[in-house]
């Protein structure tokens, strides 16, 4: 059994979509576009656009037979337009809803700085999901700067959440 055969179309692939929509539901347009001072100089919208760029590169690349995450839209309107960002996340969810377990096994090339590597839909969904969680952690800190609370799981890696649950169950 190859590693790509171990992937299942689980809620983990949908969790980042739900988290993104939670962000968008709790923010005002001004906060979405605001650039905070300090170590996080990008706006929440810039992070959101960056995450969507990766999902969209994957969406386009699967059909083309190769994914190049460096060929992203960058500076798209999703950086400033929350409604467009929300529509984009809904499109990602609809796209994922078309998948079967076999879809996750489909292989293609991923263009990297180190050359082309073969990957699978399941592996790359794991990558973009993890990448999203990483940026959500930054975005959650920016929200805290604006006194906006998000659910505790947003911006926390699935493995960390699992470990916290197991630790709590053992205590």
Protein backbone atom coordinates (compact mmCIF):
# COMPACT_ATOMS: atom_id res chain seq x y z
CA UNK A 1 0.00 0.00 0.00
CA UNK A 2 1.47 3.37 -0.96
CA UNK A 3 1.25 6.39 1.29
CA UNK A 4 -1.27 8.02 -1.07
CA UNK A 5 -3.62 5.08 -0.52
CA UNK A 6 -3.79 5.92 3.19
CA UNK A 7 -5.52 9.26 2.69
CA UNK A 8 -9.23 9.53 3.34
CA UNK A 9 -11.56 12.37 2.54
CA UNK A 10 -11.92 13.40 6.16
CA UNK A 11 -13.13 16.44 7.98
CA UNK A 12 -9.50 17.49 8.33
CA UNK A 13 -9.55 18.65 4.72
CA UNK A 14 -12.74 20.63 5.39
CA UNK A 15 -11.66 22.14 8.74
CA UNK A 16 -9.56 24.93 7.15
CA UNK A 17 -12.55 25.96 5.05
CA UNK A 18 -14.74 26.16 8.13
CA UNK A 19 -12.03 28.10 9.99
CA UNK A 20 -11.63 30.56 7.11
CA UNK A 21 -15.37 31.15 7.02
CA UNK A 22 -15.35 31.72 10.79
CA UNK A 23 -12.68 34.39 10.32
CA UNK A 24 -14.70 36.05 7.59
CA UNK A 25 -17.90 36.01 9.63
CA UNK A 26 -16.26 37.72 12.61
CA UNK A 27 -14.33 40.46 10.85
CA UNK A 28 -15.21 43.86 9.51
CA UNK A 29 -13.80 44.96 6.20
CA UNK A 30 -11.58 47.52 7.96
CA UNK A 31 -10.04 44.88 10.21
CA UNK A 32 -9.67 42.43 7.30
CA UNK A 33 -7.58 45.02 5.45
CA UNK A 34 -5.72 46.55 8.42
CA UNK A 35 -1.99 46.00 8.79
CA UNK A 36 -1.04 45.57 12.42
CA UNK A 37 2.22 46.84 13.79
CA UNK A 38 4.84 44.42 15.02
CA UNK A 39 6.04 41.07 13.77
CA UNK A 40 2.91 40.46 11.68
CA UNK A 41 3.01 43.28 9.16
CA UNK A 42 0.60 41.67 6.70
CA UNK A 43 -3.13 42.14 6.93
CA UNK A 44 -5.50 39.30 7.71
CA UNK A 45 -6.72 39.69 4.13
CA UNK A 46 -3.19 39.22 2.79
CA UNK A 47 -2.85 35.97 4.73
CA UNK A 48 -6.30 34.85 3.51
CA UNK A 49 -5.39 35.62 -0.10
CA UNK A 50 -2.08 33.76 0.28
CA UNK A 51 -3.85 30.64 1.59
CA UNK A 52 -6.44 30.78 -1.18
CA UNK A 53 -3.67 31.18 -3.76
CA UNK A 54 -2.30 27.80 -2.70
CA UNK A 55 -5.69 26.10 -2.83
CA UNK A 56 -6.38 27.63 -6.25
CA UNK A 57 -2.96 26.58 -7.57
CA UNK A 58 -3.79 23.03 -6.49
CA UNK A 59 -7.26 23.18 -8.02
CA UNK A 60 -5.91 24.34 -11.37
CA UNK A 61 -2.85 22.14 -11.27
CA UNK A 62 -4.63 18.85 -10.69
CA UNK A 63 -6.52 19.26 -13.93
CA UNK A 64 -3.36 20.32 -15.76
CA UNK A 65 -1.36 17.37 -14.41
CA UNK A 66 1.16 19.58 -12.59
CA UNK A 67 0.99 21.99 -9.68
CA UNK A 68 3.24 25.00 -9.30
CA UNK A 69 2.58 26.84 -6.04
CA UNK A 70 4.93 29.63 -7.13
CA UNK A 71 2.63 30.54 -10.03
CA UNK A 72 -0.01 32.11 -7.82
CA UNK A 73 -2.30 35.04 -8.48
CA UNK A 74 -0.83 37.26 -5.72
CA UNK A 75 -2.37 40.64 -4.96
CA UNK A 76 -5.82 39.44 -6.00
CA UNK A 77 -9.00 41.13 -4.86
CA UNK A 78 -9.51 38.45 -2.18
CA UNK A 79 -6.91 40.37 -0.18
CA UNK A 80 -9.31 43.29 0.30
CA UNK A 81 -12.76 41.92 -0.57
CA UNK A 82 -14.13 39.68 2.18
CA UNK A 83 -17.17 38.67 0.12
CA UNK A 84 -14.95 37.48 -2.71
CA UNK A 85 -12.80 35.58 -0.23
CA UNK A 86 -15.92 33.92 1.21
CA UNK A 87 -17.10 32.97 -2.30
CA UNK A 88 -13.65 31.52 -3.01
CA UNK A 89 -13.76 29.35 0.12
CA UNK A 90 -17.22 28.12 -0.81
CA UNK A 91 -15.83 27.16 -4.24
CA UNK A 92 -13.02 25.23 -2.54
CA UNK A 93 -15.58 23.37 -0.41
CA UNK A 94 -17.70 22.57 -3.47
CA UNK A 95 -14.57 21.34 -5.26
CA UNK A 96 -13.69 19.04 -2.34
CA UNK A 97 -17.26 17.73 -2.26
CA UNK A 98 -16.71 16.31 -5.76
CA UNK A 99 -13.86 14.09 -4.56
CA UNK A 100 -13.94 10.36 -4.08
CA UNK A 101 -11.36 8.26 -2.26
CA UNK A 102 -9.90 7.47 -5.70
CA UNK A 103 -9.44 11.18 -6.40
CA UNK A 104 -7.08 11.39 -3.44
CA UNK A 105 -4.84 8.76 -5.04
CA UNK A 106 -4.44 10.63 -8.33
CA UNK A 107 -0.81 11.55 -8.95
CA UNK A 108 0.78 14.47 -10.75
CA UNK A 109 3.97 16.52 -10.73
CA UNK A 110 4.61 19.35 -8.32
CA UNK A 111 7.05 21.97 -9.54
CA UNK A 112 9.47 22.99 -6.77
CA UNK A 113 12.61 25.06 -6.47
CA UNK A 114 14.49 21.75 -6.31
CA UNK A 115 12.93 20.20 -9.40
CA UNK A 116 9.77 18.27 -10.13
CA UNK A 117 8.46 15.73 -7.65
CA UNK A 118 5.55 13.37 -7.98
CA UNK A 119 2.77 13.75 -5.46
CA UNK A 120 -0.88 12.90 -4.97
CA UNK A 121 -4.07 14.85 -4.42
CA UNK A 122 -4.25 13.52 -0.85
CA UNK A 123 -0.69 14.57 -0.05
CA UNK A 124 -1.13 18.04 -1.52
CA UNK A 125 -4.45 18.54 0.28
CA UNK A 126 -2.57 17.71 3.46
CA UNK A 127 0.01 20.34 2.54
CA UNK A 128 -2.44 23.15 1.75
CA UNK A 129 -4.49 22.30 4.85
CA UNK A 130 -1.42 22.41 7.09
CA UNK A 131 -0.24 25.59 5.38
CA UNK A 132 -3.66 27.15 6.08
CA UNK A 133 -3.52 26.22 9.78
CA UNK A 134 -0.05 27.79 10.00
CA UNK A 135 -1.36 31.09 8.61
CA UNK A 136 -4.53 30.90 10.70
CA UNK A 137 -2.30 30.94 13.79
CA UNK A 138 -0.83 34.27 12.60
CA UNK A 139 -4.27 35.57 11.71
CA UNK A 140 -5.63 34.58 15.11
CA UNK A 141 -2.93 36.70 16.74
CA UNK A 142 -3.92 39.62 14.53
CA UNK A 143 -7.55 39.12 15.55
CA UNK A 144 -6.51 39.19 19.21
CA UNK A 145 -4.84 42.53 18.52
CA UNK A 146 -8.28 43.78 17.44
CA UNK A 147 -10.01 42.07 20.41
CA UNK A 148 -11.75 39.49 18.21
CA UNK A 149 -12.03 36.03 19.74
CA UNK A 150 -12.10 32.89 17.65
CA UNK A 151 -12.79 29.32 18.68
CA UNK A 152 -9.90 27.63 20.45
CA UNK A 153 -9.16 25.13 17.67
CA UNK A 154 -8.58 27.74 14.97
CA UNK A 155 -4.90 27.96 14.12
CA UNK A 156 -3.95 24.81 16.05
CA UNK A 157 -2.52 21.87 14.14
CA UNK A 158 -4.62 18.68 14.09
CA UNK A 159 -1.77 16.69 15.66
CA UNK A 160 -1.57 19.20 18.51
CA UNK A 161 -5.33 19.02 19.06
CA UNK A 162 -5.14 15.23 19.14
CA UNK A 163 -2.30 15.35 21.66
CA UNK A 164 -4.21 17.80 23.87
CA UNK A 165 -7.29 15.55 23.85
CA UNK A 166 -5.23 12.46 24.68
CA UNK A 167 -3.37 14.27 27.46
CA UNK A 168 -6.63 15.54 28.95
CA UNK A 169 -8.15 12.05 28.78
CA UNK A 170 -5.17 10.56 30.61
CA UNK A 171 -5.28 13.08 33.44
